[in-house]
Amino acid sequence: MYLNGVVLVSPTELGIERSGPVDAALRLPYFAATAWYHKVLPADLQSKDLTAMLPEVESFTINEVIPAIAQGSMLSADKKRAIAVKMARYSGISEKVFLDYNLNVPTDFFWKELLRDKGFTVGRLDSRYKGIDKMGAGESPDYNAELTSWLHSFTPAINMYIRNELNYKTDLKYNMFGSVYPWDNSGDKTGDNLRQAMAQNPFLHVLVQSGYYDGACDYFNAKYSMWQLDAAGKLQDRLTWEGYRSGHMMYLRKEDLKTSNNHVRDFIMKALPKSGASAKF
């Protein structure tokens, strides 16, 4: 089947390699977005709009952080400290933390550390949400703050709908989230398969939608996937990325529900072939 449009909402890595220094560095723009939301950035950054501030962080990540982490022990102490200072400035957590982690701060620790002094953790799938742990100490949150809120909202609604509207009676538990482990994604070639499909089908367009506050499938990794999917730069006119001021499920924020739907509508119209156009380059 030949399609003319694919929409990826909060996509995973699509099987595109990003280990080592790249994996460590790509988290920083997400850290910055979350820190901006919780108002813990320096005043000059905090005064900017989110989308005006992030390009500065993205450029620093690509041009300075990846090369610095790649150098490992070859990176001078002064240069390492200078990079850590800027990473701290953009992330809301201390220079010492970055130095202690050799510039590679895990997301679990970030969720625990960002608001530690205020007594809160931040959520994984949507870091606008805050949680409260048993202890301030630790390397990661006790639970995912966003999930408890979502379960509280969705579980009663779906159970009422099933029982009252569909009149389906059962004692079985309705699981809002199921276990995906062991998650065997070995041999995942989704990104390369998508690239090949676009190369073979000139009508195929791709839209990627990401939430800035999604810490599981973060927005900058989604951008990176697009860049590497089309490393030759021959498909750029058919690849589109859109960002939203929410998390993994951007449609939970009413403004983003409207905007993301409009983006899909625009994408569909853009992807429609012109009348009489042939499927050839």
Foldseek 3Di string as FASTA:
>chain_A
DADLEDEAFLDALLPDDQDFLRVQLLCLLLLLLLCLLVVLAPPVLVVDDSVVNSVVSVCCSVPPRSVQRVCPPVRDPVSQLVNLCVSCNRRNAHSVQCVVVVNRQDVQQSQLGNCLVVQWGAAAQWRVFIDHAPDSDDRGGPDGRVVVVVCVVPVVVVVCCVCPVVVDDDPDHDDPDDDCPPPDCPPRNRLLVVLVSCVQFVLHAYEYEFESRNNRSHDSSVVVSVCVSPVVPPCVVRYYYDYAPTGSPRCVDVVSVVVVVVVVVVNVVVSDDDPPDDRDD
